[in-house]
Amino acid sequence: MATDIEAIIRNIESCYDFTGKSVIHVGAGGGQFVGYAAKTRKVLGVDPDPDAVERLKQAIREKGLESRFSALQGDILTVTARADVVFFEFCLHEIADPGAALRHARTLAP
């Protein structure tokens, strides 16, 4: 089944306006959804998988988003940065304690 990434991004953007916002993007590895970042002020992409983080870095370069998007290999529970919003990219099912991750996210952004 083909996936229309641009349609998914439009759908996400219809729920939240990322324009000028700072974002912590959890599960960002792979870089499929980095397109929304063109409107943001800054994004911290977090993913525990080192290979996925490398693909994320490549996607950031390819989209010319290096000035606003940085990548961090790690667990959301170790992040202390603050932002306007925490965006979980289809990853809660892969997090050992999703409840803890959501509670921690609430301390990082309103």
C-alpha atoms as a PDB file:
ATOM      1  CA  MET A   1       0.000   0.000   0.000  1.00  0.00           C
ATOM      2  CA  ALA A   2       1.417   3.385  -1.018  1.00  0.00           C
ATOM      3  CA  THR A   3       1.516   6.134   1.581  1.00  0.00           C
ATOM      4  CA  ASP A   4       0.943   9.773   0.655  1.00  0.00           C
ATOM      5  CA  ILE A   5       3.326  11.455   3.098  1.00  0.00           C
ATOM      6  CA  GLU A   6       2.339  14.948   1.950  1.00  0.00           C
ATOM      7  CA  ALA A   7      -1.333  14.169   2.635  1.00  0.00           C
ATOM      8  CA  ILE A   8      -0.467  12.961   6.137  1.00  0.00           C
ATOM      9  CA  ILE A   9       1.542  16.138   6.783  1.00  0.00           C
ATOM     10  CA  ARG A  10      -1.384  18.292   5.579  1.00  0.00           C
ATOM     11  CA  ASN A  11      -3.695  16.348   7.878  1.00  0.00           C
ATOM     12  CA  ILE A  12      -1.380  16.878  10.864  1.00  0.00           C
ATOM     13  CA  GLU A  13      -1.038  20.576  10.024  1.00  0.00           C
ATOM     14  CA  SER A  14      -4.825  20.888   9.884  1.00  0.00           C
ATOM     15  CA  CYS A  15      -4.849  19.934  13.590  1.00  0.00           C
ATOM     16  CA  TYR A  16      -1.986  22.176  14.721  1.00  0.00           C
ATOM     17  CA  ASP A  17      -0.318  25.269  13.260  1.00  0.00           C
ATOM     18  CA  PHE A  18       3.444  24.747  13.521  1.00  0.00           C
ATOM     19  CA  THR A  19       4.214  28.208  12.105  1.00  0.00           C
ATOM     20  CA  GLY A  20       6.906  29.890  14.187  1.00  0.00           C
ATOM     21  CA  LYS A  21       6.734  27.215  16.894  1.00  0.00           C
ATOM     22  CA  SER A  22       9.462  25.251  18.612  1.00  0.00           C
ATOM     23  CA  VAL A  23       8.840  21.509  18.420  1.00  0.00           C
ATOM     24  CA  ILE A  24      10.170  18.373  20.083  1.00  0.00           C
ATOM     25  CA  HIS A  25       9.516  15.680  17.486  1.00  0.00           C
ATOM     26  CA  VAL A  26       9.532  12.227  19.091  1.00  0.00           C
ATOM     27  CA  GLY A  27      10.045   9.264  16.763  1.00  0.00           C
ATOM     28  CA  ALA A  28      11.446  11.556  14.081  1.00  0.00           C
ATOM     29  CA  GLY A  29      14.015   9.022  12.893  1.00  0.00           C
ATOM     30  CA  GLY A  30      13.762   8.201   9.247  1.00  0.00           C
ATOM     31  CA  GLY A  31      12.813  11.761   8.381  1.00  0.00           C
ATOM     32  CA  GLN A  32       9.600  10.975   6.496  1.00  0.00           C
ATOM     33  CA  PHE A  33       7.660  13.844   8.054  1.00  0.00           C
ATOM     34  CA  VAL A  34      10.281  16.616   8.257  1.00  0.00           C
ATOM     35  CA  GLY A  35       8.473  18.705   5.638  1.00  0.00           C
ATOM     36  CA  TYR A  36       6.318  20.464   8.244  1.00  0.00           C
ATOM     37  CA  ALA A  37       9.498  21.916   9.800  1.00  0.00           C
ATOM     38  CA  ALA A  38       9.831  24.513   7.032  1.00  0.00           C
ATOM     39  CA  LYS A  39       7.226  26.568   8.933  1.00  0.00           C
ATOM     40  CA  THR A  40       8.663  26.111  12.416  1.00  0.00           C
ATOM     41  CA  ARG A  41      11.112  28.221  14.390  1.00  0.00           C
ATOM     42  CA  LYS A  42      13.097  25.156  15.493  1.00  0.00           C
ATOM     43  CA  VAL A  43      12.700  21.412  15.876  1.00  0.00           C
ATOM     44  CA  LEU A  44      14.512  18.870  18.026  1.00  0.00           C
ATOM     45  CA  GLY A  45      13.999  15.425  16.499  1.00  0.00           C
ATOM     46  CA  VAL A  46      14.418  12.570  18.981  1.00  0.00           C
ATOM     47  CA  ASP A  47      14.707   8.872  18.185  1.00  0.00           C
ATOM     48  CA  PRO A  48      16.455   6.015  20.019  1.00  0.00           C
ATOM     49  CA  ASP A  49      17.510   4.188  16.814  1.00  0.00           C
ATOM     50  CA  PRO A  50      20.961   5.331  15.588  1.00  0.00           C
ATOM     51  CA  ASP A  51      20.283   4.221  11.989  1.00  0.00           C
ATOM     52  CA  ALA A  52      16.977   6.092  11.954  1.00  0.00           C
ATOM     53  CA  VAL A  53      18.686   9.220  13.294  1.00  0.00           C
ATOM     54  CA  GLU A  54      21.199   9.032  10.436  1.00  0.00           C
ATOM     55  CA  ARG A  55      18.319   8.847   7.937  1.00  0.00           C
ATOM     56  CA  LEU A  56      16.724  11.805   9.732  1.00  0.00           C
ATOM     57  CA  LYS A  57      19.911  13.842   9.391  1.00  0.00           C
ATOM     58  CA  GLN A  58      20.045  13.018   5.684  1.00  0.00           C
ATOM     59  CA  ALA A  59      16.398  14.087   5.218  1.00  0.00           C
ATOM     60  CA  ILE A  60      17.111  17.349   7.066  1.00  0.00           C
ATOM     61  CA  ARG A  61      20.014  18.067   4.704  1.00  0.00           C
ATOM     62  CA  GLU A  62      18.023  17.120   1.598  1.00  0.00           C
ATOM     63  CA  LYS A  63      15.169  19.466   2.593  1.00  0.00           C
ATOM     64  CA  GLY A  64      17.591  22.283   3.521  1.00  0.00           C
ATOM     65  CA  LEU A  65      16.330  22.398   7.110  1.00  0.00           C
ATOM     66  CA  GLU A  66      19.687  22.328   8.942  1.00  0.00           C
ATOM     67  CA  SER A  67      19.151  25.818  10.373  1.00  0.00           C
ATOM     68  CA  ARG A  68      15.964  24.853  12.161  1.00  0.00           C
ATOM     69  CA  PHE A  69      15.994  21.063  12.678  1.00  0.00           C
ATOM     70  CA  SER A  70      18.454  19.147  14.862  1.00  0.00           C
ATOM     71  CA  ALA A  71      18.555  15.424  15.592  1.00  0.00           C
ATOM     72  CA  LEU A  72      19.191  13.660  18.877  1.00  0.00           C
ATOM     73  CA  GLN A  73      19.619   9.943  19.367  1.00  0.00           C
ATOM     74  CA  GLY A  74      17.971   9.149  22.676  1.00  0.00           C
ATOM     75  CA  ASP A  75      14.868   8.514  24.694  1.00  0.00           C
ATOM     76  CA  ILE A  76      12.179  11.156  25.191  1.00  0.00           C
ATOM     77  CA  LEU A  77      12.460  10.626  28.940  1.00  0.00           C
ATOM     78  CA  THR A  78      16.010  12.063  28.869  1.00  0.00           C
ATOM     79  CA  VAL A  79      15.062  15.242  26.994  1.00  0.00           C
ATOM     80  CA  THR A  80      15.092  18.427  29.068  1.00  0.00           C
ATOM     81  CA  ALA A  81      14.657  20.980  26.275  1.00  0.00           C
ATOM     82  CA  ARG A  82      11.494  23.067  26.338  1.00  0.00           C
ATOM     83  CA  ALA A  83       9.253  23.727  23.335  1.00  0.00           C
ATOM     84  CA  ASP A  84       5.840  24.968  22.301  1.00  0.00           C
ATOM     85  CA  VAL A  85       4.674  21.464  21.433  1.00  0.00           C
ATOM     86  CA  VAL A  86       5.766  17.824  21.582  1.00  0.00           C
ATOM     87  CA  PHE A  87       4.842  15.895  18.443  1.00  0.00           C
ATOM     88  CA  PHE A  88       4.801  12.083  18.720  1.00  0.00           C
ATOM     89  CA  GLU A  89       5.167  10.602  15.220  1.00  0.00           C
ATOM     90  CA  PHE A  90       3.315   7.295  15.330  1.00  0.00           C
ATOM     91  CA  CYS A  91       5.679   5.960  18.009  1.00  0.00           C
ATOM     92  CA  LEU A  92       3.847   5.558  21.327  1.00  0.00           C
ATOM     93  CA  HIS A  93       3.394   1.843  20.644  1.00  0.00           C
ATOM     94  CA  GLU A  94       7.197   1.470  20.546  1.00  0.00           C
ATOM     95  CA  ILE A  95       7.848   3.270  23.851  1.00  0.00           C
ATOM     96  CA  ALA A  96       8.210   0.983  26.892  1.00  0.00           C
ATOM     97  CA  ASP A  97       6.059   3.235  29.104  1.00  0.00           C
ATOM     98  CA  PRO A  98       3.916   5.481  26.907  1.00  0.00           C
ATOM     99  CA  GLY A  99       2.180   6.992  29.931  1.00  0.00           C
ATOM    100  CA  ALA A 100       5.499   8.132  31.367  1.00  0.00           C
ATOM    101  CA  ALA A 101       6.477   9.546  27.978  1.00  0.00           C
ATOM    102  CA  LEU A 102       3.250  11.572  27.775  1.00  0.00           C
ATOM    103  CA  ARG A 103       3.594  12.811  31.352  1.00  0.00           C
ATOM    104  CA  HIS A 104       7.195  13.860  30.648  1.00  0.00           C
ATOM    105  CA  ALA A 105       6.130  15.589  27.414  1.00  0.00           C
ATOM    106  CA  ARG A 106       3.701  17.709  29.418  1.00  0.00           C
ATOM    107  CA  THR A 107       6.664  19.039  31.435  1.00  0.00           C
ATOM    108  CA  LEU A 108       8.457  20.026  28.219  1.00  0.00           C
ATOM    109  CA  ALA A 109       5.633  21.887  26.475  1.00  0.00           C
ATOM    110  CA  PRO A 110       2.211  23.288  27.281  1.00  0.00           C
END
